[in-house]
Each structure stands twice: as C-alpha cells, then as structure tokens.
Amino acid sequence: MAEETAGTRGSGQTDAGRARQSRPETRGQGLRACGALGWVALGGAAGTLVRAVVAVDVPRTLLVNVVGAFLLGLLLGHLAQVEQTPGRRRLRLLAGTGFTGGLTTYSTFVLQVDRMGWAGVGYAALSLGAGLVAAGVGLAVARRTA
C-alpha cells in the first residue's frame, strides 16, 4: 500500500489517489484554454486575410486600424448589454481579440511612423485620434441599436 503524506494522513488517501481526483478539473481547464485560443486563432486568421487584401500603404494601414477600432467599439458596446454566456465569450474571442487583432496592424503602423521621420508624429497623432473617435462611435452605435 502506498504511503500517506502529512497532508493526507488520516484520510486514507495517497498522493496518487489525490492526483487522480484533481486531473479532471485540470484537464477541463486545459480544454477551455485550448478552445479560447482556437477562437482567437480563427478570428485572427480571418482578420489577417482581410488586412492582406486591403493594407498595402499608409492610407490603407490607417483605414484598417480605424475600421478595427470602430468594430471593436461596436462589438464591446453590444456585448456589454447582453447576458453573460459561453457564446458571448466565444464571440468576444473570435471577433474582438481574433478578427480585429488580425485586421489591425500595430507593427506596420510603427514601422511607417518610424520611416516617415517628423511627419510620422502627425501620422501617429492622426491614427490614434481617429482610432479613439472610431471606437467611441462604435460604442455609441451599439448603445443606440440595443
């Protein structure tokens, strides 16, 4: 018979028995994490494909980033008004983190700002300002259509 440890002494349970009981919970958490990553990956792939079709130069990068900010504001504004469900979480992961994360491009934006020299400061300000306004408009639209 396996030896009991100090933490299980008197319970009649061994370390191996305790480990078996904890596995299903750990396994379930792992599956949920893989599911969340899958939703993000699927949305990210779709967003990246859209960006690849659209984003070639500075105006297009600005366009996809501002559209992404609007869509994220719209989505989060809508989700704030609906009941907490597993489907709601999946939609946030798929469309919010995945799709808009894949659609928008911070790395290209920073590269463009760097290559533009001093003009990049204005481009950065324009991009950030337009993104904030677009996200605010998305939130407002979601509230009005609820």
N, C-alpha and C. Protein backbone atom coordinates (compact mmCIF):
# COMPACT_ATOMS: atom_id res chain seq x y z
N MET A 1 0.85 -1.19 0.00
CA MET A 1 0.00 0.00 0.00
C MET A 1 0.89 1.24 0.00
N ALA A 2 0.52 2.25 -0.75
CA ALA A 2 1.31 3.48 -0.84
C ALA A 2 1.25 4.23 0.47
N GLU A 3 2.32 4.95 0.74
CA GLU A 3 2.40 5.71 1.98
C GLU A 3 1.57 6.98 1.91
N GLU A 4 0.94 7.33 3.01
CA GLU A 4 0.21 8.59 3.09
C GLU A 4 1.20 9.70 3.42
N THR A 5 0.98 10.88 2.88
CA THR A 5 1.83 12.03 3.21
C THR A 5 1.22 12.78 4.37
N ALA A 6 1.97 13.73 4.90
CA ALA A 6 1.48 14.50 6.05
C ALA A 6 0.16 15.18 5.75
N GLY A 7 -0.02 15.66 4.52
CA GLY A 7 -1.24 16.37 4.16
C GLY A 7 -2.44 15.46 4.02
N THR A 8 -2.21 14.16 3.81
CA THR A 8 -3.33 13.24 3.62
C THR A 8 -3.44 12.23 4.75
N ARG A 9 -2.55 12.32 5.73
CA ARG A 9 -2.54 11.38 6.84
C ARG A 9 -3.90 11.35 7.51
N GLY A 10 -4.40 10.17 7.71
CA GLY A 10 -5.67 10.01 8.39
C GLY A 10 -6.86 10.02 7.44
N SER A 11 -6.65 10.46 6.20
CA SER A 11 -7.76 10.50 5.26
C SER A 11 -7.86 9.20 4.47
N GLY A 12 -6.79 8.37 4.58
CA GLY A 12 -6.79 7.13 3.84
C GLY A 12 -6.48 7.33 2.36
N GLN A 13 -6.02 8.50 2.00
CA GLN A 13 -5.78 8.82 0.59
C GLN A 13 -4.28 9.00 0.35
N THR A 14 -3.79 8.44 -0.74
CA THR A 14 -2.38 8.57 -1.09
C THR A 14 -2.19 9.75 -2.03
N ASP A 15 -0.92 10.10 -2.26
CA ASP A 15 -0.63 11.17 -3.22
C ASP A 15 -1.17 10.81 -4.60
N ALA A 16 -1.02 9.56 -5.00
CA ALA A 16 -1.51 9.13 -6.32
C ALA A 16 -3.03 9.25 -6.40
N GLY A 17 -3.71 8.89 -5.33
CA GLY A 17 -5.17 8.99 -5.32
C GLY A 17 -5.64 10.42 -5.40
N ARG A 18 -4.94 11.29 -4.68
CA ARG A 18 -5.28 12.72 -4.72
C ARG A 18 -5.04 13.28 -6.12
N ALA A 19 -3.95 12.89 -6.76
CA ALA A 19 -3.63 13.38 -8.11
C ALA A 19 -4.69 12.95 -9.11
N ARG A 20 -5.17 11.70 -8.99
CA ARG A 20 -6.21 11.23 -9.92
C ARG A 20 -7.48 12.06 -9.78
N GLN A 21 -7.83 12.43 -8.55
CA GLN A 21 -9.04 13.20 -8.34
C GLN A 21 -8.92 14.61 -8.90
N SER A 22 -7.74 15.17 -8.94
CA SER A 22 -7.58 16.55 -9.40
C SER A 22 -7.43 16.64 -10.92
N ARG A 23 -7.13 15.57 -11.59
CA ARG A 23 -6.90 15.62 -13.03
C ARG A 23 -8.08 16.10 -13.85
N PRO A 24 -9.30 15.61 -13.63
CA PRO A 24 -10.40 16.08 -14.49
C PRO A 24 -10.57 17.59 -14.47
N GLU A 25 -10.41 18.20 -13.30
CA GLU A 25 -10.54 19.66 -13.22
C GLU A 25 -9.44 20.33 -14.04
N THR A 26 -8.22 19.86 -13.90
CA THR A 26 -7.10 20.41 -14.65
C THR A 26 -7.30 20.19 -16.14
N ARG A 27 -7.75 19.02 -16.51
CA ARG A 27 -7.98 18.70 -17.91
C ARG A 27 -9.05 19.63 -18.50
N GLY A 28 -10.10 19.89 -17.75
CA GLY A 28 -11.16 20.78 -18.22
C GLY A 28 -10.66 22.19 -18.43
N GLN A 29 -9.81 22.66 -17.54
CA GLN A 29 -9.23 24.00 -17.69
C GLN A 29 -8.36 24.06 -18.93
N GLY A 30 -7.60 22.99 -19.18
CA GLY A 30 -6.75 22.95 -20.37
C GLY A 30 -7.57 22.98 -21.64
N LEU A 31 -8.67 22.24 -21.67
CA LEU A 31 -9.54 22.23 -22.85
C LEU A 31 -10.17 23.59 -23.07
N ARG A 32 -10.59 24.27 -21.98
CA ARG A 32 -11.17 25.60 -22.12
C ARG A 32 -10.13 26.57 -22.67
N ALA A 33 -8.90 26.47 -22.20
CA ALA A 33 -7.84 27.35 -22.69
C ALA A 33 -7.57 27.09 -24.16
N CYS A 34 -7.54 25.83 -24.57
CA CYS A 34 -7.34 25.50 -25.99
C CYS A 34 -8.50 26.01 -26.82
N GLY A 35 -9.72 25.90 -26.30
CA GLY A 35 -10.88 26.41 -27.02
C GLY A 35 -10.80 27.90 -27.22
N ALA A 36 -10.40 28.64 -26.18
CA ALA A 36 -10.26 30.09 -26.28
C ALA A 36 -9.19 30.45 -27.30
N LEU A 37 -8.07 29.75 -27.27
CA LEU A 37 -7.01 30.02 -28.25
C LEU A 37 -7.48 29.71 -29.67
N GLY A 38 -8.29 28.67 -29.81
CA GLY A 38 -8.83 28.33 -31.12
C GLY A 38 -9.71 29.43 -31.69
N TRP A 39 -10.57 30.00 -30.83
CA TRP A 39 -11.44 31.10 -31.29
C TRP A 39 -10.62 32.31 -31.69
N VAL A 40 -9.60 32.63 -30.88
CA VAL A 40 -8.73 33.77 -31.20
C VAL A 40 -7.98 33.51 -32.50
N ALA A 41 -7.45 32.30 -32.67
CA ALA A 41 -6.71 31.96 -33.89
C ALA A 41 -7.59 32.03 -35.13
N LEU A 42 -8.81 31.51 -35.03
CA LEU A 42 -9.73 31.55 -36.17
C LEU A 42 -10.07 32.99 -36.55
N GLY A 43 -10.41 33.79 -35.56
CA GLY A 43 -10.71 35.20 -35.83
C GLY A 43 -9.49 35.94 -36.34
N GLY A 44 -8.32 35.65 -35.77
CA GLY A 44 -7.08 36.30 -36.20
C GLY A 44 -6.74 35.97 -37.64
N ALA A 45 -6.95 34.73 -38.03
CA ALA A 45 -6.68 34.34 -39.42
C ALA A 45 -7.60 35.09 -40.37
N ALA A 46 -8.88 35.20 -40.03
CA ALA A 46 -9.83 35.92 -40.89
C ALA A 46 -9.46 37.40 -40.98
N GLY A 47 -9.15 38.01 -39.85
CA GLY A 47 -8.77 39.43 -39.85
C GLY A 47 -7.49 39.68 -40.63
N THR A 48 -6.53 38.79 -40.50
CA THR A 48 -5.27 38.93 -41.22
C THR A 48 -5.49 38.82 -42.73
N LEU A 49 -6.36 37.92 -43.15
CA LEU A 49 -6.67 37.80 -44.58
C LEU A 49 -7.29 39.08 -45.12
N VAL A 50 -8.21 39.67 -44.37
CA VAL A 50 -8.82 40.93 -44.81
C VAL A 50 -7.76 42.02 -44.89
N ARG A 51 -6.89 42.10 -43.89
CA ARG A 51 -5.83 43.12 -43.90
C ARG A 51 -4.88 42.91 -45.07
N ALA A 52 -4.56 41.67 -45.40
CA ALA A 52 -3.65 41.39 -46.51
C ALA A 52 -4.23 41.87 -47.83
N VAL A 53 -5.53 41.80 -47.97
CA VAL A 53 -6.18 42.27 -49.19
C VAL A 53 -6.19 43.79 -49.25
N VAL A 54 -6.37 44.44 -48.10
CA VAL A 54 -6.55 45.89 -48.05
C VAL A 54 -5.24 46.65 -47.82
N ALA A 55 -4.44 46.24 -46.85
CA ALA A 55 -3.32 47.06 -46.37
C ALA A 55 -2.08 46.92 -47.24
N VAL A 56 -1.76 47.97 -47.97
CA VAL A 56 -0.53 47.98 -48.76
C VAL A 56 0.31 49.20 -48.41
N ASP A 57 -0.29 50.35 -48.23
CA ASP A 57 0.47 51.55 -47.91
C ASP A 57 -0.17 52.31 -46.75
N VAL A 58 0.37 53.49 -46.46
CA VAL A 58 -0.04 54.26 -45.27
C VAL A 58 -1.55 54.50 -45.18
N PRO A 59 -2.22 55.03 -46.22
CA PRO A 59 -3.66 55.26 -46.06
C PRO A 59 -4.44 53.98 -45.76
N ARG A 60 -4.01 52.89 -46.34
CA ARG A 60 -4.73 51.64 -46.09
C ARG A 60 -4.47 51.12 -44.68
N THR A 61 -3.27 51.30 -44.17
CA THR A 61 -2.99 50.91 -42.79
C THR A 61 -3.84 51.74 -41.84
N LEU A 62 -3.92 53.02 -42.09
CA LEU A 62 -4.77 53.90 -41.29
C LEU A 62 -6.22 53.42 -41.37
N LEU A 63 -6.67 53.08 -42.57
CA LEU A 63 -8.04 52.62 -42.77
C LEU A 63 -8.33 51.35 -41.96
N VAL A 64 -7.48 50.33 -42.07
CA VAL A 64 -7.78 49.09 -41.35
C VAL A 64 -7.71 49.28 -39.84
N ASN A 65 -6.82 50.14 -39.37
CA ASN A 65 -6.73 50.38 -37.93
C ASN A 65 -7.95 51.13 -37.41
N VAL A 66 -8.42 52.11 -38.15
CA VAL A 66 -9.60 52.87 -37.73
C VAL A 66 -10.86 52.00 -37.82
N VAL A 67 -10.99 51.24 -38.90
CA VAL A 67 -12.14 50.33 -39.02
C VAL A 67 -12.10 49.29 -37.90
N GLY A 68 -10.93 48.77 -37.58
CA GLY A 68 -10.80 47.81 -36.48
C GLY A 68 -11.21 48.41 -35.15
N ALA A 69 -10.83 49.66 -34.90
CA ALA A 69 -11.22 50.34 -33.66
C ALA A 69 -12.74 50.51 -33.60
N PHE A 70 -13.35 50.89 -34.73
CA PHE A 70 -14.81 51.03 -34.78
C PHE A 70 -15.49 49.68 -34.50
N LEU A 71 -15.03 48.63 -35.17
CA LEU A 71 -15.64 47.31 -34.99
C LEU A 71 -15.49 46.82 -33.55
N LEU A 72 -14.34 47.06 -32.95
CA LEU A 72 -14.13 46.65 -31.57
C LEU A 72 -15.05 47.44 -30.62
N GLY A 73 -15.19 48.74 -30.85
CA GLY A 73 -16.12 49.53 -30.05
C GLY A 73 -17.55 49.05 -30.21
N LEU A 74 -17.94 48.75 -31.44
CA LEU A 74 -19.29 48.24 -31.73
C LEU A 74 -19.53 46.91 -31.02
N LEU A 75 -18.58 46.00 -31.15
CA LEU A 75 -18.70 44.69 -30.53
C LEU A 75 -18.77 44.78 -29.01
N LEU A 76 -17.83 45.50 -28.42
CA LEU A 76 -17.81 45.60 -26.95
C LEU A 76 -19.02 46.35 -26.41
N GLY A 77 -19.49 47.34 -27.15
CA GLY A 77 -20.71 48.04 -26.76
C GLY A 77 -21.91 47.12 -26.77
N HIS A 78 -21.98 46.27 -27.78
CA HIS A 78 -23.08 45.29 -27.87
C HIS A 78 -22.97 44.24 -26.76
N LEU A 79 -21.77 43.69 -26.58
CA LEU A 79 -21.59 42.64 -25.58
C LEU A 79 -21.82 43.12 -24.16
N ALA A 80 -21.61 44.40 -23.91
CA ALA A 80 -21.84 44.96 -22.58
C ALA A 80 -23.32 44.94 -22.22
N GLN A 81 -24.17 44.82 -23.22
CA GLN A 81 -25.62 44.88 -22.99
C GLN A 81 -26.31 43.53 -23.01
N VAL A 82 -25.57 42.46 -23.28
CA VAL A 82 -26.19 41.14 -23.35
C VAL A 82 -25.75 40.29 -22.17
N GLU A 83 -26.51 39.24 -21.94
CA GLU A 83 -26.26 38.34 -20.83
C GLU A 83 -24.92 37.61 -20.98
N GLN A 84 -24.27 37.35 -19.84
CA GLN A 84 -23.01 36.61 -19.83
C GLN A 84 -23.29 35.15 -20.16
N THR A 85 -22.80 34.69 -21.29
CA THR A 85 -22.96 33.29 -21.70
C THR A 85 -21.64 32.81 -22.31
N PRO A 86 -21.48 31.48 -22.44
CA PRO A 86 -20.28 30.98 -23.12
C PRO A 86 -20.22 31.47 -24.58
N GLY A 87 -21.36 31.60 -25.22
CA GLY A 87 -21.39 32.10 -26.60
C GLY A 87 -20.91 33.54 -26.69
N ARG A 88 -21.24 34.33 -25.71
CA ARG A 88 -20.80 35.73 -25.66
C ARG A 88 -19.28 35.79 -25.55
N ARG A 89 -18.72 34.95 -24.71
CA ARG A 89 -17.26 34.89 -24.54
C ARG A 89 -16.59 34.45 -25.84
N ARG A 90 -17.15 33.43 -26.49
CA ARG A 90 -16.58 32.96 -27.76
C ARG A 90 -16.63 34.04 -28.83
N LEU A 91 -17.72 34.79 -28.87
CA LEU A 91 -17.84 35.87 -29.85
C LEU A 91 -16.79 36.95 -29.59
N ARG A 92 -16.59 37.29 -28.32
CA ARG A 92 -15.57 38.29 -27.97
C ARG A 92 -14.18 37.81 -28.39
N LEU A 93 -13.89 36.53 -28.14
CA LEU A 93 -12.59 35.99 -28.52
C LEU A 93 -12.43 35.93 -30.03
N LEU A 94 -13.46 35.45 -30.72
CA LEU A 94 -13.40 35.30 -32.18
C LEU A 94 -13.35 36.65 -32.88
N ALA A 95 -14.32 37.50 -32.59
CA ALA A 95 -14.44 38.77 -33.32
C ALA A 95 -13.59 39.88 -32.72
N GLY A 96 -13.54 39.96 -31.40
CA GLY A 96 -12.80 41.05 -30.76
C GLY A 96 -11.30 40.82 -30.76
N THR A 97 -10.86 39.83 -30.02
CA THR A 97 -9.43 39.56 -29.93
C THR A 97 -8.88 39.02 -31.25
N GLY A 98 -9.59 38.06 -31.84
CA GLY A 98 -9.09 37.42 -33.06
C GLY A 98 -9.20 38.28 -34.30
N PHE A 99 -10.43 38.55 -34.74
CA PHE A 99 -10.62 39.25 -36.02
C PHE A 99 -10.05 40.66 -36.01
N THR A 100 -10.43 41.47 -35.02
CA THR A 100 -9.93 42.85 -35.03
C THR A 100 -8.43 42.89 -34.74
N GLY A 101 -7.93 41.93 -33.96
CA GLY A 101 -6.49 41.84 -33.74
C GLY A 101 -5.74 41.47 -35.01
N GLY A 102 -6.34 40.61 -35.82
CA GLY A 102 -5.73 40.23 -37.09
C GLY A 102 -5.90 41.30 -38.15
N LEU A 103 -7.01 42.00 -38.11
CA LEU A 103 -7.28 43.06 -39.09
C LEU A 103 -6.36 44.25 -38.89
N THR A 104 -6.23 44.69 -37.66
CA THR A 104 -5.41 45.87 -37.37
C THR A 104 -3.94 45.48 -37.35
N THR A 105 -3.08 46.48 -37.51
CA THR A 105 -1.66 46.18 -37.57
C THR A 105 -0.84 47.25 -36.86
N TYR A 106 -0.46 46.95 -35.65
CA TYR A 106 0.36 47.88 -34.88
C TYR A 106 1.79 47.89 -35.41
N SER A 107 2.30 46.72 -35.78
CA SER A 107 3.70 46.65 -36.22
C SER A 107 3.92 47.45 -37.51
N THR A 108 3.02 47.34 -38.47
CA THR A 108 3.16 48.11 -39.71
C THR A 108 3.01 49.60 -39.42
N PHE A 109 2.08 49.94 -38.55
CA PHE A 109 1.88 51.34 -38.16
C PHE A 109 3.16 51.93 -37.58
N VAL A 110 3.80 51.22 -36.65
CA VAL A 110 5.02 51.73 -36.02
C VAL A 110 6.15 51.83 -37.05
N LEU A 111 6.26 50.86 -37.92
CA LEU A 111 7.28 50.90 -38.97
C LEU A 111 7.08 52.12 -39.87
N GLN A 112 5.84 52.39 -40.24
CA GLN A 112 5.54 53.55 -41.09
C GLN A 112 5.85 54.85 -40.37
N VAL A 113 5.47 54.95 -39.10
CA VAL A 113 5.77 56.15 -38.32
C VAL A 113 7.27 56.38 -38.28
N ASP A 114 8.03 55.33 -38.04
CA ASP A 114 9.49 55.44 -37.98
C ASP A 114 10.08 55.90 -39.31
N ARG A 115 9.59 55.36 -40.40
CA ARG A 115 10.13 55.70 -41.73
C ARG A 115 9.73 57.09 -42.19
N MET A 116 8.70 57.66 -41.62
CA MET A 116 8.22 58.97 -42.05
C MET A 116 8.97 60.13 -41.40
N GLY A 117 9.83 59.85 -40.46
CA GLY A 117 10.55 60.93 -39.78
C GLY A 117 9.59 61.79 -38.98
N TRP A 118 9.77 63.12 -39.07
CA TRP A 118 8.92 64.04 -38.30
C TRP A 118 7.47 63.99 -38.75
N ALA A 119 7.22 63.69 -40.00
CA ALA A 119 5.84 63.58 -40.48
C ALA A 119 5.13 62.42 -39.78
N GLY A 120 5.90 61.45 -39.31
CA GLY A 120 5.34 60.32 -38.59
C GLY A 120 4.65 60.71 -37.30
N VAL A 121 5.10 61.81 -36.69
CA VAL A 121 4.47 62.28 -35.45
C VAL A 121 3.02 62.68 -35.75
N GLY A 122 2.82 63.42 -36.83
CA GLY A 122 1.47 63.81 -37.22
C GLY A 122 0.61 62.61 -37.60
N TYR A 123 1.23 61.67 -38.34
CA TYR A 123 0.51 60.45 -38.73
C TYR A 123 0.10 59.64 -37.49
N ALA A 124 1.00 59.55 -36.52
CA ALA A 124 0.69 58.82 -35.29
C ALA A 124 -0.46 59.49 -34.54
N ALA A 125 -0.41 60.82 -34.44
CA ALA A 125 -1.48 61.56 -33.75
C ALA A 125 -2.81 61.38 -34.48
N LEU A 126 -2.78 61.48 -35.81
CA LEU A 126 -3.99 61.28 -36.60
C LEU A 126 -4.55 59.88 -36.40
N SER A 127 -3.69 58.89 -36.46
CA SER A 127 -4.12 57.50 -36.33
C SER A 127 -4.72 57.22 -34.94
N LEU A 128 -4.04 57.67 -33.91
CA LEU A 128 -4.55 57.46 -32.54
C LEU A 128 -5.85 58.21 -32.31
N GLY A 129 -5.91 59.46 -32.75
CA GLY A 129 -7.14 60.25 -32.59
C GLY A 129 -8.31 59.64 -33.35
N ALA A 130 -8.06 59.27 -34.60
CA ALA A 130 -9.13 58.66 -35.41
C ALA A 130 -9.58 57.34 -34.82
N GLY A 131 -8.64 56.56 -34.28
CA GLY A 131 -8.99 55.29 -33.66
C GLY A 131 -9.86 55.47 -32.43
N LEU A 132 -9.52 56.46 -31.60
CA LEU A 132 -10.33 56.74 -30.41
C LEU A 132 -11.73 57.20 -30.79
N VAL A 133 -11.81 58.08 -31.78
CA VAL A 133 -13.13 58.55 -32.24
C VAL A 133 -13.93 57.38 -32.81
N ALA A 134 -13.29 56.55 -33.63
CA ALA A 134 -13.99 55.41 -34.24
C ALA A 134 -14.50 54.44 -33.18
N ALA A 135 -13.69 54.16 -32.17
CA ALA A 135 -14.13 53.27 -31.09
C ALA A 135 -15.31 53.88 -30.34
N GLY A 136 -15.25 55.18 -30.09
CA GLY A 136 -16.37 55.87 -29.42
C GLY A 136 -17.64 55.84 -30.25
N VAL A 137 -17.51 56.02 -31.56
CA VAL A 137 -18.68 55.94 -32.45
C VAL A 137 -19.24 54.53 -32.43
N GLY A 138 -18.37 53.52 -32.46
CA GLY A 138 -18.83 52.13 -32.39
C GLY A 138 -19.61 51.85 -31.11
N LEU A 139 -19.10 52.35 -29.99
CA LEU A 139 -19.82 52.19 -28.71
C LEU A 139 -21.18 52.87 -28.75
N ALA A 140 -21.22 54.09 -29.30
CA ALA A 140 -22.48 54.85 -29.37
C ALA A 140 -23.49 54.15 -30.27
N VAL A 141 -23.04 53.64 -31.40
CA VAL A 141 -23.94 52.92 -32.31
C VAL A 141 -24.50 51.68 -31.62
N ALA A 142 -23.66 50.95 -30.90
CA ALA A 142 -24.12 49.75 -30.20
C ALA A 142 -25.17 50.09 -29.15
N ARG A 143 -24.99 51.18 -28.45
CA ARG A 143 -25.96 51.59 -27.42
C ARG A 143 -27.30 51.99 -28.04
N ARG A 144 -27.24 52.67 -29.16
CA ARG A 144 -28.49 53.13 -29.80
C ARG A 144 -29.26 52.00 -30.46
N THR A 145 -28.57 50.98 -30.90
CA THR A 145 -29.26 49.89 -31.61
C THR A 145 -29.68 48.77 -30.67
N ALA A 146 -29.40 48.91 -29.38
CA ALA A 146 -29.75 47.84 -28.42
C ALA A 146 -31.23 47.80 -28.16
